[in-house]
N, C-alpha and C. Protein backbone atom coordinates (compact mmCIF):
# COMPACT_ATOMS: atom_id res chain seq x y z
N MET A 1 76.76 56.83 43.17
CA MET A 1 77.73 56.20 44.09
C MET A 1 77.54 54.86 44.69
N ARG A 2 78.16 53.88 43.95
CA ARG A 2 77.84 52.27 44.52
C ARG A 2 78.77 52.33 45.94
N SER A 3 78.45 50.88 46.52
CA SER A 3 79.22 50.97 47.87
C SER A 3 80.47 50.95 47.80
N ARG A 4 81.20 50.36 46.56
CA ARG A 4 82.67 50.37 46.26
C ARG A 4 83.03 51.84 46.10
N ALA A 5 82.53 52.56 45.41
CA ALA A 5 82.52 53.97 45.21
C ALA A 5 82.54 54.48 46.26
N MET A 6 81.81 54.42 47.45
CA MET A 6 81.60 55.07 48.72
C MET A 6 82.83 54.52 49.35
N LEU A 7 83.15 53.34 49.61
CA LEU A 7 84.22 53.03 50.35
C LEU A 7 85.66 53.54 49.87
N VAL A 8 85.78 53.72 48.31
CA VAL A 8 86.89 54.60 48.18
C VAL A 8 87.01 55.99 48.53
N PHE A 9 85.69 56.76 48.41
CA PHE A 9 85.64 58.12 48.87
C PHE A 9 86.08 58.14 50.42
N ALA A 10 85.39 57.27 51.34
CA ALA A 10 85.81 57.28 52.55
C ALA A 10 87.11 56.83 53.05
N ALA A 11 87.84 56.10 52.10
CA ALA A 11 89.31 55.83 52.27
C ALA A 11 89.98 57.23 52.29
N VAL A 12 89.82 57.75 50.89
CA VAL A 12 90.53 58.96 50.77
C VAL A 12 90.06 60.20 51.68
N SER A 13 88.81 60.27 51.85
CA SER A 13 88.60 61.21 53.05
C SER A 13 89.11 61.17 54.12
N GLY A 14 89.25 59.89 54.52
CA GLY A 14 89.92 59.54 55.82
C GLY A 14 91.50 59.84 55.69
N LEU A 15 92.03 59.61 54.72
CA LEU A 15 93.22 59.79 54.43
C LEU A 15 93.65 61.28 54.41
N ILE A 16 92.85 62.24 54.00
CA ILE A 16 92.99 63.59 54.05
C ILE A 16 92.73 64.00 55.18
N TYR A 17 91.67 63.49 55.94
CA TYR A 17 91.38 63.92 57.43
C TYR A 17 92.57 63.83 57.99
N VAL A 18 93.23 62.63 58.12
CA VAL A 18 94.37 62.49 59.04
C VAL A 18 95.37 63.32 58.55
N ALA A 19 95.92 63.32 57.38
CA ALA A 19 97.00 64.10 56.93
C ALA A 19 97.00 65.70 57.41
N LEU A 20 95.61 66.20 57.06
CA LEU A 20 95.58 67.56 57.13
C LEU A 20 95.47 67.90 58.65
N GLY A 21 95.04 66.98 59.43
CA GLY A 21 94.96 67.02 60.88
C GLY A 21 96.28 67.24 61.39
N ALA A 22 96.92 66.33 61.26
CA ALA A 22 98.62 66.26 61.17
C ALA A 22 99.30 67.59 60.83
N PHE A 23 98.92 67.94 59.84
CA PHE A 23 99.58 69.09 59.09
C PHE A 23 99.15 70.33 59.81
N GLY A 24 97.78 70.30 60.26
CA GLY A 24 97.35 71.66 60.85
C GLY A 24 98.13 71.49 62.42
N ALA A 25 97.99 70.42 63.08
CA ALA A 25 98.72 70.11 64.43
C ALA A 25 99.89 70.67 64.65
N HIS A 26 100.78 70.22 63.61
CA HIS A 26 102.29 70.29 63.65
C HIS A 26 102.89 71.82 63.04
N LEU A 27 102.18 72.07 61.90
CA LEU A 27 102.78 73.14 60.88
C LEU A 27 101.98 74.28 61.07
N LEU A 28 100.76 74.29 60.45
CA LEU A 28 99.77 75.49 60.58
C LEU A 28 99.47 75.92 61.63
N SER A 29 99.52 75.21 62.83
CA SER A 29 99.32 76.10 64.24
C SER A 29 100.34 76.84 64.53
N GLN A 30 101.57 76.95 63.94
CA GLN A 30 102.50 78.01 64.11
C GLN A 30 102.10 79.15 63.44
N THR A 31 101.62 78.98 62.26
CA THR A 31 101.24 80.06 61.55
C THR A 31 99.96 80.64 61.18
N LEU A 32 99.06 80.03 61.48
CA LEU A 32 97.49 80.62 61.51
C LEU A 32 97.10 80.99 62.73
N GLY A 33 96.26 81.96 62.62
CA GLY A 33 95.62 82.66 63.87
C GLY A 33 94.35 81.52 64.56
N GLU A 34 94.01 82.00 65.77
CA GLU A 34 93.00 81.28 66.46
C GLU A 34 91.54 80.96 65.47
N LEU A 35 91.15 82.22 64.98
CA LEU A 35 89.92 82.02 64.01
C LEU A 35 90.45 81.01 62.82
N GLU A 36 91.42 81.01 62.22
CA GLU A 36 91.75 80.10 61.03
C GLU A 36 91.86 78.82 61.57
N LEU A 37 92.30 78.62 62.72
CA LEU A 37 92.65 77.28 63.30
C LEU A 37 91.08 76.34 63.73
N ALA A 38 90.36 77.71 63.99
CA ALA A 38 88.84 77.15 64.59
C ALA A 38 88.37 76.76 63.22
N TRP A 39 88.19 77.24 62.13
CA TRP A 39 87.58 76.91 60.96
C TRP A 39 88.25 75.43 60.71
N LEU A 40 89.67 75.38 60.68
CA LEU A 40 90.31 74.16 60.15
C LEU A 40 89.61 72.99 61.19
N LYS A 41 89.76 73.36 62.54
CA LYS A 41 89.10 72.23 63.38
C LYS A 41 87.53 71.85 63.27
N THR A 42 86.94 73.09 62.97
CA THR A 42 85.50 72.47 62.56
C THR A 42 85.34 71.64 61.08
N GLY A 43 86.06 72.06 60.38
CA GLY A 43 86.17 71.27 58.93
C GLY A 43 86.60 69.70 59.19
N LEU A 44 87.71 69.94 59.98
CA LEU A 44 88.19 68.10 60.16
C LEU A 44 87.02 67.51 61.13
N GLU A 45 86.31 68.01 61.98
CA GLU A 45 85.19 67.43 62.77
C GLU A 45 84.30 66.81 61.98
N TYR A 46 83.82 67.84 61.27
CA TYR A 46 82.66 67.54 60.39
C TYR A 46 83.05 66.37 59.20
N GLN A 47 84.16 66.67 58.53
CA GLN A 47 84.81 65.72 57.67
C GLN A 47 84.77 64.26 58.42
N GLY A 48 85.44 64.16 59.63
CA GLY A 48 85.58 62.86 60.13
C GLY A 48 84.41 62.21 60.47
N PHE A 49 83.46 62.89 60.91
CA PHE A 49 82.01 62.13 61.31
C PHE A 49 81.22 61.84 60.00
N HIS A 50 81.23 62.62 59.04
CA HIS A 50 80.66 62.17 57.84
C HIS A 50 81.36 61.15 57.23
N THR A 51 82.82 61.16 57.04
CA THR A 51 83.46 60.13 56.42
C THR A 51 82.87 58.55 57.03
N LEU A 52 82.89 58.68 58.30
CA LEU A 52 82.58 57.31 59.01
C LEU A 52 81.09 56.90 58.53
N ALA A 53 80.42 58.07 58.37
CA ALA A 53 78.66 57.99 58.08
C ALA A 53 78.80 57.11 56.35
N VAL A 54 79.92 57.76 55.81
CA VAL A 54 79.64 57.38 54.29
C VAL A 54 80.10 56.06 54.15
N MET A 55 81.01 55.50 55.12
CA MET A 55 81.54 54.23 55.29
C MET A 55 80.43 53.15 55.82
N ALA A 56 79.79 53.78 56.79
CA ALA A 56 78.54 52.92 57.25
C ALA A 56 77.65 52.56 55.96
N LEU A 57 77.24 53.57 55.41
CA LEU A 57 76.24 53.52 54.19
C LEU A 57 76.90 52.46 53.31
N ALA A 58 78.27 52.61 52.95
CA ALA A 58 78.89 51.53 52.22
C ALA A 58 78.45 49.88 52.60
N VAL A 59 78.82 50.04 53.74
CA VAL A 59 78.58 48.77 54.30
C VAL A 59 77.22 48.12 54.30
N ALA A 60 76.33 49.17 54.49
CA ALA A 60 74.67 48.74 54.66
C ALA A 60 74.37 48.40 53.15
N MET A 61 75.00 49.10 52.19
CA MET A 61 74.79 48.86 50.93
C MET A 61 75.10 47.75 50.09
N GLN A 62 76.12 47.00 50.85
CA GLN A 62 76.72 45.74 50.45
C GLN A 62 75.69 44.73 50.94
N ARG A 63 74.95 44.87 52.22
CA ARG A 63 73.84 43.97 52.72
C ARG A 63 72.49 44.11 52.03
N ASN A 64 72.06 45.47 51.39
CA ASN A 64 70.92 45.83 51.00
C ASN A 64 71.05 47.08 50.24
N ALA A 65 71.08 47.05 48.83
CA ALA A 65 71.18 48.16 48.08
C ALA A 65 69.97 49.10 48.26
N SER A 66 70.14 50.07 48.33
CA SER A 66 69.02 51.21 48.63
C SER A 66 69.43 52.36 47.80
N VAL A 67 68.19 52.94 47.11
CA VAL A 67 68.56 54.37 46.50
C VAL A 67 68.52 55.27 47.32
N TRP A 68 68.14 55.17 48.63
CA TRP A 68 68.04 56.29 49.79
C TRP A 68 69.31 56.30 50.30
N PHE A 69 69.82 55.07 50.56
CA PHE A 69 71.43 54.92 51.13
C PHE A 69 72.33 55.63 50.02
N TYR A 70 72.27 55.42 48.71
CA TYR A 70 72.81 55.73 47.44
C TYR A 70 73.05 57.36 47.76
N TRP A 71 71.91 57.93 47.79
CA TRP A 71 71.65 59.28 47.61
C TRP A 71 72.27 59.94 48.54
N SER A 72 71.93 59.15 49.87
CA SER A 72 72.52 59.93 51.16
C SER A 72 74.09 59.96 51.26
N GLY A 73 74.62 58.64 50.53
CA GLY A 73 76.15 58.81 50.66
C GLY A 73 76.54 59.81 49.61
N ALA A 74 76.08 60.08 48.55
CA ALA A 74 76.58 61.07 47.84
C ALA A 74 76.29 62.25 48.16
N LEU A 75 75.06 62.76 48.87
CA LEU A 75 75.23 63.93 49.51
C LEU A 75 75.94 64.33 50.72
N LEU A 76 76.37 63.25 51.65
CA LEU A 76 77.15 63.25 52.50
C LEU A 76 78.70 63.66 51.79
N ALA A 77 78.97 62.99 50.82
CA ALA A 77 80.30 63.01 50.23
C ALA A 77 80.36 64.42 49.68
N ILE A 78 79.27 65.04 49.04
CA ILE A 78 79.20 66.60 48.28
C ILE A 78 79.40 67.37 49.82
N GLY A 79 78.73 67.14 50.59
CA GLY A 79 78.74 68.21 51.95
C GLY A 79 80.17 68.06 52.57
N ILE A 80 81.01 67.04 52.57
CA ILE A 80 82.24 66.74 52.93
C ILE A 80 83.28 67.78 52.01
N VAL A 81 82.82 67.63 50.68
CA VAL A 81 83.74 68.65 49.82
C VAL A 81 83.42 69.97 50.21
N LEU A 82 82.26 70.19 50.21
CA LEU A 82 81.78 71.51 50.04
C LEU A 82 81.84 72.33 51.36
N PHE A 83 81.36 71.64 52.62
CA PHE A 83 81.47 72.37 53.86
C PHE A 83 82.82 72.23 54.26
N SER A 84 83.51 71.24 54.50
CA SER A 84 84.85 71.14 55.12
C SER A 84 85.86 71.59 54.13
N GLY A 85 85.89 71.22 52.67
CA GLY A 85 86.74 72.11 51.88
C GLY A 85 86.53 73.58 51.89
N SER A 86 85.58 74.10 51.96
CA SER A 86 85.43 75.56 52.23
C SER A 86 85.85 76.15 53.33
N LEU A 87 85.89 75.33 54.24
CA LEU A 87 86.27 75.82 55.77
C LEU A 87 88.04 75.92 55.56
N TYR A 88 88.60 74.92 55.02
CA TYR A 88 90.01 74.60 54.84
C TYR A 88 90.38 75.86 53.90
N CYS A 89 89.74 76.01 52.57
CA CYS A 89 90.08 77.15 51.91
C CYS A 89 90.00 78.55 52.45
N LEU A 90 89.01 78.83 53.35
CA LEU A 90 88.80 79.85 54.07
C LEU A 90 90.01 80.09 54.97
N ALA A 91 90.33 78.90 55.60
CA ALA A 91 91.24 79.19 56.87
C ALA A 91 92.90 79.44 55.96
N LEU A 92 92.89 78.82 54.66
CA LEU A 92 94.30 78.91 54.20
C LEU A 92 94.28 80.23 53.31
N SER A 93 93.52 80.66 52.82
CA SER A 93 93.41 81.82 51.63
C SER A 93 92.76 82.99 52.25
N HIS A 94 91.84 82.96 53.20
CA HIS A 94 91.38 84.52 53.51
C HIS A 94 90.28 84.61 52.37
N LEU A 95 89.95 84.15 51.90
CA LEU A 95 88.92 84.42 50.68
C LEU A 95 87.54 84.62 51.12
N ARG A 96 86.90 85.49 51.19
CA ARG A 96 85.52 85.53 52.05
C ARG A 96 84.53 84.88 51.24
N LEU A 97 84.69 84.37 49.91
CA LEU A 97 83.70 83.80 48.99
C LEU A 97 83.60 82.68 49.48
N TRP A 98 84.33 81.97 50.26
CA TRP A 98 84.33 80.52 50.87
C TRP A 98 82.97 80.49 51.59
N VAL A 99 82.65 81.54 52.26
CA VAL A 99 81.72 81.75 53.63
C VAL A 99 80.31 81.41 52.70
N TYR A 100 80.30 81.56 51.29
CA TYR A 100 79.10 81.40 50.69
C TYR A 100 78.82 79.81 50.31
N ILE A 101 79.93 79.04 50.34
CA ILE A 101 79.84 77.81 49.93
C ILE A 101 79.66 76.80 50.94
N THR A 102 79.99 77.11 52.32
CA THR A 102 79.99 76.37 53.58
C THR A 102 78.15 76.10 53.82
N PRO A 103 77.51 77.03 53.73
CA PRO A 103 76.24 76.58 53.98
C PRO A 103 75.53 75.58 52.98
N ILE A 104 75.96 75.49 51.77
CA ILE A 104 75.60 74.60 50.60
C ILE A 104 75.98 73.22 51.25
N GLY A 105 77.27 73.28 51.74
CA GLY A 105 77.69 71.97 52.08
C GLY A 105 76.77 71.27 53.46
N GLY A 106 76.48 72.30 54.21
CA GLY A 106 75.71 72.10 55.34
C GLY A 106 74.53 71.26 55.20
N ALA A 107 73.96 72.13 54.03
CA ALA A 107 72.61 71.56 53.54
C ALA A 107 72.70 70.28 52.93
N CYS A 108 73.63 70.05 52.09
CA CYS A 108 74.03 68.55 51.76
C CYS A 108 74.09 67.45 52.82
N PHE A 109 74.41 67.96 53.90
CA PHE A 109 74.84 67.06 55.07
C PHE A 109 73.28 66.49 55.64
N LEU A 110 72.69 67.82 55.84
CA LEU A 110 71.10 67.75 56.40
C LEU A 110 70.17 66.81 55.31
N ALA A 111 70.39 67.06 54.05
CA ALA A 111 69.61 66.12 53.07
C ALA A 111 70.03 64.71 53.38
N GLY A 112 71.44 64.47 53.05
CA GLY A 112 71.96 63.34 53.18
C GLY A 112 71.52 62.67 54.74
N TRP A 113 71.27 63.19 55.51
CA TRP A 113 70.86 62.50 57.11
C TRP A 113 69.50 62.33 56.96
N ILE A 114 68.65 63.24 56.17
CA ILE A 114 67.30 62.86 56.12
C ILE A 114 67.01 61.73 55.32
N LEU A 115 67.84 61.52 54.14
CA LEU A 115 67.63 60.40 53.18
C LEU A 115 68.09 58.99 53.87
N MET A 116 69.22 59.10 54.78
CA MET A 116 69.54 57.93 55.64
C MET A 116 68.38 57.42 56.41
N LEU A 117 67.78 58.73 57.03
CA LEU A 117 66.57 58.33 57.99
C LEU A 117 65.56 57.41 57.05
N ILE A 118 65.28 58.20 55.95
CA ILE A 118 64.12 57.55 55.04
C ILE A 118 64.66 56.17 54.73
N GLY A 119 65.88 55.93 54.32
CA GLY A 119 66.23 54.46 54.09
C GLY A 119 66.11 53.23 55.05
N ALA A 120 66.74 53.89 56.20
CA ALA A 120 66.56 53.18 57.37
C ALA A 120 64.86 52.74 57.82
N LEU A 121 64.19 53.80 57.76
CA LEU A 121 62.73 53.43 58.20
C LEU A 121 62.16 52.57 56.88
N ARG A 122 62.35 52.72 55.91
CA ARG A 122 61.91 51.93 54.52
C ARG A 122 62.50 50.38 54.79
N LEU A 123 63.82 50.17 55.49
CA LEU A 123 64.29 48.96 55.88
C LEU A 123 63.50 48.08 56.84
N LYS A 124 63.07 48.84 57.92
CA LYS A 124 62.24 48.29 58.81
C LYS A 124 60.85 47.84 58.20
N LYS A 125 60.38 48.55 57.19
CA LYS A 125 59.02 48.07 56.45
C LYS A 125 59.29 46.97 55.98
N LYS A 126 60.35 46.89 55.10
CA LYS A 126 60.51 45.74 54.26
C LYS A 126 60.50 44.53 55.24
N ALA A 127 61.21 44.50 56.44
CA ALA A 127 61.34 43.59 57.14
C ALA A 127 60.00 42.99 57.90
N ASP A 128 59.37 43.86 58.33
CA ASP A 128 57.76 43.75 58.74
C ASP A 128 57.08 42.87 57.91
N ARG A 129 57.17 43.30 56.38
CA ARG A 129 56.44 42.67 55.36
C ARG A 129 56.73 41.33 55.47
N ARG A 130 58.14 40.69 55.61
CA ARG A 130 58.48 39.40 55.22
C ARG A 130 57.95 38.58 56.63
N GLU A 131 57.66 39.19 57.73
CA GLU A 131 57.08 38.11 58.81
C GLU A 131 55.88 37.83 58.43
């Protein structure tokens, strides 16, 4: 996922985030129960935070291409789809199989943040070598 693809993903994810948030607040809040709304809210929170992280990685990659940031962005994007997507599907369908997908998305989030940390630490090392 190059920086352009990351920005496209962040834009689409942000669009879905806002649309689903509005849809949930205005229509789904009248038909879903408390548990389903909580799943929806959790999915939206994680999608929002991680969409911003993907966007930040895209900007960072425009300045300094990094394989660590590349894979971090890819894993965060996969995490959004699996974690948030499975919570949305669980809230709307009640199919319990989605509960097995959610932790895979969470693991992708964790791996993405670890790779971002490694990439950031390696940037510092590169800057130190230039001095």
